[in-house]
């Protein structure tokens, strides 16, 4: 593995650890925000070569579509399609 690949892997794992720690802290505080859930979804997706949208519920995606958090469909995956 090249040095660039190792740095990318370390970055993705660092993001996963940060998101997991945020999730644990949120649980201890008995609350979890959409931002924390999206951070965890992005981190896990990055480690698995997937997109964050795959880990979000339809309700989460609807909230995100309403502008609750920044979302990059090219990176994070598509939001719900409204009819």
PDB file of N, CA and C in Angstrom:
ATOM      1  N   UNK A   1       0.847  -1.175   0.000  1.00  0.00           N
ATOM      2  CA  UNK A   1       0.000   0.000   0.000  1.00  0.00           C
ATOM      3  C   UNK A   1       0.889   1.232   0.000  1.00  0.00           C
ATOM      4  N   UNK A   2       0.546   2.220  -0.819  1.00  0.00           N
ATOM      5  CA  UNK A   2       1.352   3.430  -0.903  1.00  0.00           C
ATOM      6  C   UNK A   2       1.121   4.307   0.318  1.00  0.00           C
ATOM      7  N   UNK A   3       1.991   5.279   0.505  1.00  0.00           N
ATOM      8  CA  UNK A   3       1.839   6.201   1.619  1.00  0.00           C
ATOM      9  C   UNK A   3       0.530   6.956   1.560  1.00  0.00           C
ATOM     10  N   UNK A   4       0.105   7.316   0.330  1.00  0.00           N
ATOM     11  CA  UNK A   4      -1.166   8.023   0.165  1.00  0.00           C
ATOM     12  C   UNK A   4      -2.329   7.144   0.618  1.00  0.00           C
ATOM     13  N   UNK A   5      -2.303   5.873   0.279  1.00  0.00           N
ATOM     14  CA  UNK A   5      -3.361   4.948   0.675  1.00  0.00           C
ATOM     15  C   UNK A   5      -3.431   4.786   2.176  1.00  0.00           C
ATOM     16  N   UNK A   6      -2.280   4.733   2.817  1.00  0.00           N
ATOM     17  CA  UNK A   6      -2.235   4.604   4.269  1.00  0.00           C
ATOM     18  C   UNK A   6      -2.814   5.839   4.936  1.00  0.00           C
ATOM     19  N   UNK A   7      -2.464   7.017   4.425  1.00  0.00           N
ATOM     20  CA  UNK A   7      -2.991   8.258   4.999  1.00  0.00           C
ATOM     21  C   UNK A   7      -4.502   8.322   4.821  1.00  0.00           C
ATOM     22  N   UNK A   8      -4.995   7.892   3.653  1.00  0.00           N
ATOM     23  CA  UNK A   8      -6.442   7.888   3.404  1.00  0.00           C
ATOM     24  C   UNK A   8      -7.141   6.935   4.364  1.00  0.00           C
ATOM     25  N   UNK A   9      -6.574   5.768   4.568  1.00  0.00           N
ATOM     26  CA  UNK A   9      -7.145   4.786   5.486  1.00  0.00           C
ATOM     27  C   UNK A   9      -7.162   5.335   6.907  1.00  0.00           C
ATOM     28  N   UNK A  10      -6.085   5.975   7.316  1.00  0.00           N
ATOM     29  CA  UNK A  10      -6.021   6.560   8.654  1.00  0.00           C
ATOM     30  C   UNK A  10      -7.053   7.677   8.803  1.00  0.00           C
ATOM     31  N   UNK A  11      -7.251   8.467   7.764  1.00  0.00           N
ATOM     32  CA  UNK A  11      -8.247   9.538   7.791  1.00  0.00           C
ATOM     33  C   UNK A  11      -9.646   8.960   7.940  1.00  0.00           C
ATOM     34  N   UNK A  12      -9.963   7.915   7.159  1.00  0.00           N
ATOM     35  CA  UNK A  12     -11.284   7.294   7.237  1.00  0.00           C
ATOM     36  C   UNK A  12     -11.515   6.653   8.597  1.00  0.00           C
ATOM     37  N   UNK A  13     -10.511   5.998   9.129  1.00  0.00           N
ATOM     38  CA  UNK A  13     -10.667   5.376  10.446  1.00  0.00           C
ATOM     39  C   UNK A  13     -10.767   6.434  11.542  1.00  0.00           C
ATOM     40  N   UNK A  14     -10.037   7.525  11.390  1.00  0.00           N
ATOM     41  CA  UNK A  14     -10.150   8.634  12.340  1.00  0.00           C
ATOM     42  C   UNK A  14     -11.548   9.225  12.337  1.00  0.00           C
ATOM     43  N   UNK A  15     -12.133   9.369  11.145  1.00  0.00           N
ATOM     44  CA  UNK A  15     -13.506   9.880  11.038  1.00  0.00           C
ATOM     45  C   UNK A  15     -14.492   8.915  11.681  1.00  0.00           C
ATOM     46  N   UNK A  16     -14.257   7.625  11.492  1.00  0.00           N
ATOM     47  CA  UNK A  16     -15.130   6.618  12.101  1.00  0.00           C
ATOM     48  C   UNK A  16     -15.042   6.678  13.628  1.00  0.00           C
ATOM     49  N   UNK A  17     -13.834   6.782  14.139  1.00  0.00           N
ATOM     50  CA  UNK A  17     -13.664   6.865  15.590  1.00  0.00           C
ATOM     51  C   UNK A  17     -14.308   8.128  16.143  1.00  0.00           C
ATOM     52  N   UNK A  18     -14.111   9.270  15.485  1.00  0.00           N
ATOM     53  CA  UNK A  18     -14.729  10.517  15.942  1.00  0.00           C
ATOM     54  C   UNK A  18     -16.251  10.401  15.957  1.00  0.00           C
ATOM     55  N   UNK A  19     -16.812   9.829  14.898  1.00  0.00           N
ATOM     56  CA  UNK A  19     -18.264   9.677  14.821  1.00  0.00           C
ATOM     57  C   UNK A  19     -18.770   8.729  15.899  1.00  0.00           C
ATOM     58  N   UNK A  20     -18.069   7.640  16.121  1.00  0.00           N
ATOM     59  CA  UNK A  20     -18.479   6.681  17.148  1.00  0.00           C
ATOM     60  C   UNK A  20     -18.406   7.313  18.539  1.00  0.00           C
ATOM     61  N   UNK A  21     -17.368   8.082  18.804  1.00  0.00           N
ATOM     62  CA  UNK A  21     -17.261   8.761  20.093  1.00  0.00           C
ATOM     63  C   UNK A  21     -18.391   9.768  20.278  1.00  0.00           C
ATOM     64  N   UNK A  22     -18.746  10.484  19.213  1.00  0.00           N
ATOM     65  CA  UNK A  22     -19.864  11.416  19.272  1.00  0.00           C
ATOM     66  C   UNK A  22     -21.168  10.700  19.550  1.00  0.00           C
ATOM     67  N   UNK A  23     -21.336   9.535  18.931  1.00  0.00           N
ATOM     68  CA  UNK A  23     -22.547   8.741  19.153  1.00  0.00           C
ATOM     69  C   UNK A  23     -22.618   8.257  20.600  1.00  0.00           C
ATOM     70  N   UNK A  24     -21.504   7.798  21.128  1.00  0.00           N
ATOM     71  CA  UNK A  24     -21.484   7.358  22.520  1.00  0.00           C
ATOM     72  C   UNK A  24     -21.798   8.506  23.471  1.00  0.00           C
ATOM     73  N   UNK A  25     -21.210   9.662  23.212  1.00  0.00           N
ATOM     74  CA  UNK A  25     -21.472  10.828  24.057  1.00  0.00           C
ATOM     75  C   UNK A  25     -22.929  11.250  23.956  1.00  0.00           C
ATOM     76  N   UNK A  26     -23.489  11.197  22.753  1.00  0.00           N
ATOM     77  CA  UNK A  26     -24.892  11.559  22.570  1.00  0.00           C
ATOM     78  C   UNK A  26     -25.797  10.600  23.338  1.00  0.00           C
ATOM     79  N   UNK A  27     -25.471   9.343  23.293  1.00  0.00           N
ATOM     80  CA  UNK A  27     -26.272   8.349  24.025  1.00  0.00           C
ATOM     81  C   UNK A  27     -26.184   8.604  25.522  1.00  0.00           C
ATOM     82  N   UNK A  28     -24.981   8.937  25.995  1.00  0.00           N
ATOM     83  CA  UNK A  28     -24.842   9.229  27.426  1.00  0.00           C
ATOM     84  C   UNK A  28     -25.685  10.435  27.811  1.00  0.00           C
ATOM     85  N   UNK A  29     -25.774  11.403  26.909  1.00  0.00           N
ATOM     86  CA  UNK A  29     -26.579  12.596  27.157  1.00  0.00           C
ATOM     87  C   UNK A  29     -28.044  12.402  26.823  1.00  0.00           C
ATOM     88  N   UNK A  30     -28.389  11.185  26.423  1.00  0.00           N
ATOM     89  CA  UNK A  30     -29.755  10.813  26.072  1.00  0.00           C
ATOM     90  C   UNK A  30     -30.312  11.626  24.910  1.00  0.00           C
ATOM     91  N   UNK A  31     -29.416  12.036  24.006  1.00  0.00           N
ATOM     92  CA  UNK A  31     -29.894  12.675  22.789  1.00  0.00           C
ATOM     93  C   UNK A  31     -28.919  12.425  21.647  1.00  0.00           C
ATOM     94  N   UNK A  32     -29.466  12.394  20.476  1.00  0.00           N
ATOM     95  CA  UNK A  32     -28.673  12.135  19.288  1.00  0.00           C
ATOM     96  C   UNK A  32     -29.206  13.046  18.192  1.00  0.00           C
ATOM     97  N   UNK A  33     -28.335  13.842  17.599  1.00  0.00           N
ATOM     98  CA  UNK A  33     -28.775  14.773  16.570  1.00  0.00           C
ATOM     99  C   UNK A  33     -28.625  14.153  15.180  1.00  0.00           C
ATOM    100  N   UNK A  34     -29.298  14.757  14.216  1.00  0.00           N
ATOM    101  CA  UNK A  34     -29.166  14.307  12.832  1.00  0.00           C
ATOM    102  C   UNK A  34     -27.732  14.508  12.353  1.00  0.00           C
ATOM    103  N   UNK A  35     -27.067  15.534  12.866  1.00  0.00           N
ATOM    104  CA  UNK A  35     -25.672  15.779  12.496  1.00  0.00           C
ATOM    105  C   UNK A  35     -24.771  14.641  12.973  1.00  0.00           C
ATOM    106  N   UNK A  36     -24.997  14.188  14.196  1.00  0.00           N
ATOM    107  CA  UNK A  36     -24.196  13.083  14.728  1.00  0.00           C
ATOM    108  C   UNK A  36     -24.491  11.784  13.983  1.00  0.00           C
ATOM    109  N   UNK A  37     -25.746  11.548  13.669  1.00  0.00           N
ATOM    110  CA  UNK A  37     -26.106  10.339  12.941  1.00  0.00           C
ATOM    111  C   UNK A  37     -25.509  10.368  11.535  1.00  0.00           C
ATOM    112  N   UNK A  38     -25.564  11.524  10.875  1.00  0.00           N
ATOM    113  CA  UNK A  38     -24.994  11.657   9.535  1.00  0.00           C
ATOM    114  C   UNK A  38     -23.472  11.490   9.578  1.00  0.00           C
ATOM    115  N   UNK A  39     -22.832  12.013  10.612  1.00  0.00           N
ATOM    116  CA  UNK A  39     -21.382  11.850  10.741  1.00  0.00           C
ATOM    117  C   UNK A  39     -21.013  10.380  10.864  1.00  0.00           C
ATOM    118  N   UNK A  40     -21.773   9.643  11.651  1.00  0.00           N
ATOM    119  CA  UNK A  40     -21.513   8.217  11.792  1.00  0.00           C
ATOM    120  C   UNK A  40     -21.765   7.504  10.464  1.00  0.00           C
ATOM    121  N   UNK A  41     -22.864   7.822   9.802  1.00  0.00           N
ATOM    122  CA  UNK A  41     -23.179   7.199   8.511  1.00  0.00           C
ATOM    123  C   UNK A  41     -22.091   7.487   7.486  1.00  0.00           C
ATOM    124  N   UNK A  42     -21.598   8.737   7.447  1.00  0.00           N
ATOM    125  CA  UNK A  42     -20.523   9.100   6.505  1.00  0.00           C
ATOM    126  C   UNK A  42     -19.241   8.335   6.820  1.00  0.00           C
ATOM    127  N   UNK A  43     -18.915   8.231   8.093  1.00  0.00           N
ATOM    128  CA  UNK A  43     -17.678   7.553   8.483  1.00  0.00           C
ATOM    129  C   UNK A  43     -17.730   6.067   8.145  1.00  0.00           C
ATOM    130  N   UNK A  44     -18.832   5.419   8.476  1.00  0.00           N
ATOM    131  CA  UNK A  44     -18.972   3.992   8.181  1.00  0.00           C
ATOM    132  C   UNK A  44     -18.978   3.778   6.671  1.00  0.00           C
ATOM    133  N   UNK A  45     -19.714   4.606   5.957  1.00  0.00           N
ATOM    134  CA  UNK A  45     -19.774   4.492   4.495  1.00  0.00           C
ATOM    135  C   UNK A  45     -18.377   4.656   3.882  1.00  0.00           C
ATOM    136  N   UNK A  46     -17.599   5.599   4.398  1.00  0.00           N
ATOM    137  CA  UNK A  46     -16.247   5.813   3.892  1.00  0.00           C
ATOM    138  C   UNK A  46     -15.357   4.605   4.087  1.00  0.00           C
ATOM    139  N   UNK A  47     -15.540   3.906   5.173  1.00  0.00           N
ATOM    140  CA  UNK A  47     -14.737   2.706   5.437  1.00  0.00           C
ATOM    141  C   UNK A  47     -15.198   1.519   4.600  1.00  0.00           C
ATOM    142  N   UNK A  48     -16.447   1.544   4.169  1.00  0.00           N
ATOM    143  CA  UNK A  48     -16.990   0.412   3.435  1.00  0.00           C
ATOM    144  C   UNK A  48     -17.148   0.671   1.941  1.00  0.00           C
ATOM    145  N   UNK A  49     -16.752   1.866   1.477  1.00  0.00           N
ATOM    146  CA  UNK A  49     -16.895   2.185   0.066  1.00  0.00           C
ATOM    147  C   UNK A  49     -18.343   2.368  -0.355  1.00  0.00           C
ATOM    148  N   UNK A  50     -19.175   2.822   0.554  1.00  0.00           N
ATOM    149  CA  UNK A  50     -20.594   3.036   0.291  1.00  0.00           C
ATOM    150  C   UNK A  50     -20.907   4.519   0.448  1.00  0.00           C
ATOM    151  N   UNK A  51     -22.181   4.883   0.439  1.00  0.00           N
ATOM    152  CA  UNK A  51     -22.585   6.272   0.655  1.00  0.00           C
ATOM    153  C   UNK A  51     -23.442   6.361   1.918  1.00  0.00           C
ATOM    154  N   UNK A  52     -23.379   7.513   2.563  1.00  0.00           N
ATOM    155  CA  UNK A  52     -24.070   7.719   3.833  1.00  0.00           C
ATOM    156  C   UNK A  52     -25.573   7.518   3.725  1.00  0.00           C
ATOM    157  N   UNK A  53     -26.152   7.871   2.589  1.00  0.00           N
ATOM    158  CA  UNK A  53     -27.605   7.749   2.423  1.00  0.00           C
ATOM    159  C   UNK A  53     -28.095   6.325   2.673  1.00  0.00           C
ATOM    160  N   UNK A  54     -27.227   5.341   2.439  1.00  0.00           N
ATOM    161  CA  UNK A  54     -27.612   3.952   2.649  1.00  0.00           C
ATOM    162  C   UNK A  54     -27.878   3.622   4.118  1.00  0.00           C
ATOM    163  N   UNK A  55     -27.387   4.460   5.028  1.00  0.00           N
ATOM    164  CA  UNK A  55     -27.542   4.215   6.462  1.00  0.00           C
ATOM    165  C   UNK A  55     -28.572   5.131   7.104  1.00  0.00           C
ATOM    166  N   UNK A  56     -29.231   5.951   6.302  1.00  0.00           N
ATOM    167  CA  UNK A  56     -30.199   6.896   6.826  1.00  0.00           C
ATOM    168  C   UNK A  56     -31.617   6.385   6.570  1.00  0.00           C
ATOM    169  N   UNK A  57     -32.540   6.732   7.465  1.00  0.00           N
ATOM    170  CA  UNK A  57     -33.939   6.366   7.254  1.00  0.00           C
ATOM    171  C   UNK A  57     -34.569   7.353   6.267  1.00  0.00           C
ATOM    172  N   UNK A  58     -35.735   7.007   5.765  1.00  0.00           N
ATOM    173  CA  UNK A  58     -36.459   7.926   4.889  1.00  0.00           C
ATOM    174  C   UNK A  58     -36.768   9.234   5.612  1.00  0.00           C
ATOM    175  N   UNK A  59     -37.106   9.154   6.901  1.00  0.00           N
ATOM    176  CA  UNK A  59     -37.366  10.370   7.687  1.00  0.00           C
ATOM    177  C   UNK A  59     -36.110  11.228   7.806  1.00  0.00           C
ATOM    178  N   UNK A  60     -34.961  10.585   8.028  1.00  0.00           N
ATOM    179  CA  UNK A  60     -33.696  11.324   8.089  1.00  0.00           C
ATOM    180  C   UNK A  60     -33.448  12.057   6.774  1.00  0.00           C
ATOM    181  N   UNK A  61     -33.612  11.338   5.663  1.00  0.00           N
ATOM    182  CA  UNK A  61     -33.359  11.933   4.348  1.00  0.00           C
ATOM    183  C   UNK A  61     -34.326  13.071   4.054  1.00  0.00           C
ATOM    184  N   UNK A  62     -35.567  12.951   4.513  1.00  0.00           N
ATOM    185  CA  UNK A  62     -36.537  14.035   4.334  1.00  0.00           C
ATOM    186  C   UNK A  62     -36.111  15.268   5.134  1.00  0.00           C
ATOM    187  N   UNK A  63     -35.638  15.074   6.371  1.00  0.00           N
ATOM    188  CA  UNK A  63     -35.143  16.189   7.181  1.00  0.00           C
ATOM    189  C   UNK A  63     -33.938  16.848   6.514  1.00  0.00           C
ATOM    190  N   UNK A  64     -33.058  16.048   5.978  1.00  0.00           N
ATOM    191  CA  UNK A  64     -31.868  16.575   5.315  1.00  0.00           C
ATOM    192  C   UNK A  64     -32.282  17.359   4.068  1.00  0.00           C
ATOM    193  N   UNK A  65     -33.254  16.846   3.318  1.00  0.00           N
ATOM    194  CA  UNK A  65     -33.742  17.536   2.119  1.00  0.00           C
ATOM    195  C   UNK A  65     -34.337  18.896   2.468  1.00  0.00           C
ATOM    196  N   UNK A  66     -34.860  19.033   3.690  1.00  0.00           N
ATOM    197  CA  UNK A  66     -35.415  20.305   4.152  1.00  0.00           C
ATOM    198  C   UNK A  66     -34.324  21.283   4.584  1.00  0.00           C
ATOM    199  N   UNK A  67     -33.057  20.888   4.449  1.00  0.00           N
ATOM    200  CA  UNK A  67     -31.946  21.787   4.746  1.00  0.00           C
ATOM    201  C   UNK A  67     -31.441  21.751   6.168  1.00  0.00           C
ATOM    202  N   UNK A  68     -31.755  20.695   6.905  1.00  0.00           N
ATOM    203  CA  UNK A  68     -31.323  20.626   8.308  1.00  0.00           C
ATOM    204  C   UNK A  68     -29.817  20.524   8.443  1.00  0.00           C
ATOM    205  N   UNK A  69     -29.156  19.865   7.493  1.00  0.00           N
ATOM    206  CA  UNK A  69     -27.692  19.769   7.520  1.00  0.00           C
ATOM    207  C   UNK A  69     -27.175  19.880   6.089  1.00  0.00           C
ATOM    208  N   UNK A  70     -25.883  20.158   5.967  1.00  0.00           N
ATOM    209  CA  UNK A  70     -25.251  20.172   4.655  1.00  0.00           C
ATOM    210  C   UNK A  70     -25.177  18.748   4.137  1.00  0.00           C
ATOM    211  N   UNK A  71     -25.476  18.568   2.844  1.00  0.00           N
ATOM    212  CA  UNK A  71     -25.486  17.238   2.244  1.00  0.00           C
ATOM    213  C   UNK A  71     -24.994  17.370   0.819  1.00  0.00           C
ATOM    214  N   UNK A  72     -24.020  16.583   0.457  1.00  0.00           N
ATOM    215  CA  UNK A  72     -23.475  16.574  -0.899  1.00  0.00           C
ATOM    216  C   UNK A  72     -23.894  15.264  -1.556  1.00  0.00           C
ATOM    217  N   UNK A  73     -24.910  15.314  -2.424  1.00  0.00           N
ATOM    218  CA  UNK A  73     -25.432  14.080  -3.021  1.00  0.00           C
ATOM    219  C   UNK A  73     -24.371  13.315  -3.796  1.00  0.00           C
ATOM    220  N   UNK A  74     -23.387  14.017  -4.339  1.00  0.00           N
ATOM    221  CA  UNK A  74     -22.322  13.334  -5.083  1.00  0.00           C
ATOM    222  C   UNK A  74     -21.470  12.478  -4.167  1.00  0.00           C
ATOM    223  N   UNK A  75     -21.328  12.876  -2.920  1.00  0.00           N
ATOM    224  CA  UNK A  75     -20.508  12.154  -1.947  1.00  0.00           C
ATOM    225  C   UNK A  75     -21.369  11.309  -1.011  1.00  0.00           C
ATOM    226  N   UNK A  76     -22.435  11.923  -0.493  1.00  0.00           N
ATOM    227  CA  UNK A  76     -23.260  11.304   0.541  1.00  0.00           C
ATOM    228  C   UNK A  76     -24.374  10.407  -0.008  1.00  0.00           C
ATOM    229  N   UNK A  77     -24.677  10.527  -1.272  1.00  0.00           N
ATOM    230  CA  UNK A  77     -25.742   9.737  -1.868  1.00  0.00           C
ATOM    231  C   UNK A  77     -26.995  10.551  -2.060  1.00  0.00           C
ATOM    232  N   UNK A  78     -27.919  10.037  -2.868  1.00  0.00           N
ATOM    233  CA  UNK A  78     -29.128  10.795  -3.192  1.00  0.00           C
ATOM    234  C   UNK A  78     -30.116  10.856  -2.039  1.00  0.00           C
ATOM    235  N   UNK A  79     -30.811  11.986  -1.987  1.00  0.00           N
ATOM    236  CA  UNK A  79     -31.899  12.149  -1.030  1.00  0.00           C
ATOM    237  C   UNK A  79     -33.159  11.545  -1.639  1.00  0.00           C
ATOM    238  N   UNK A  80     -34.212  11.505  -0.875  1.00  0.00           N
ATOM    239  CA  UNK A  80     -35.470  10.947  -1.356  1.00  0.00           C
ATOM    240  C   UNK A  80     -35.957  11.710  -2.575  1.00  0.00           C
ATOM    241  N   UNK A  81     -36.528  10.998  -3.503  1.00  0.00           N
ATOM    242  CA  UNK A  81     -37.129  11.628  -4.662  1.00  0.00           C
ATOM    243  C   UNK A  81     -38.583  11.929  -4.329  1.00  0.00           C
ATOM    244  N   UNK A  82     -38.970  13.209  -4.450  1.00  0.00           N
ATOM    245  CA  UNK A  82     -40.357  13.565  -4.203  1.00  0.00           C
ATOM    246  C   UNK A  82     -41.134  13.456  -5.492  1.00  0.00           C
ATOM    247  N   UNK A  83     -42.382  13.036  -5.368  1.00  0.00           N
ATOM    248  CA  UNK A  83     -43.205  12.846  -6.553  1.00  0.00           C
ATOM    249  C   UNK A  83     -44.115  14.010  -6.786  1.00  0.00           C
TER     250      UNK A  83
END
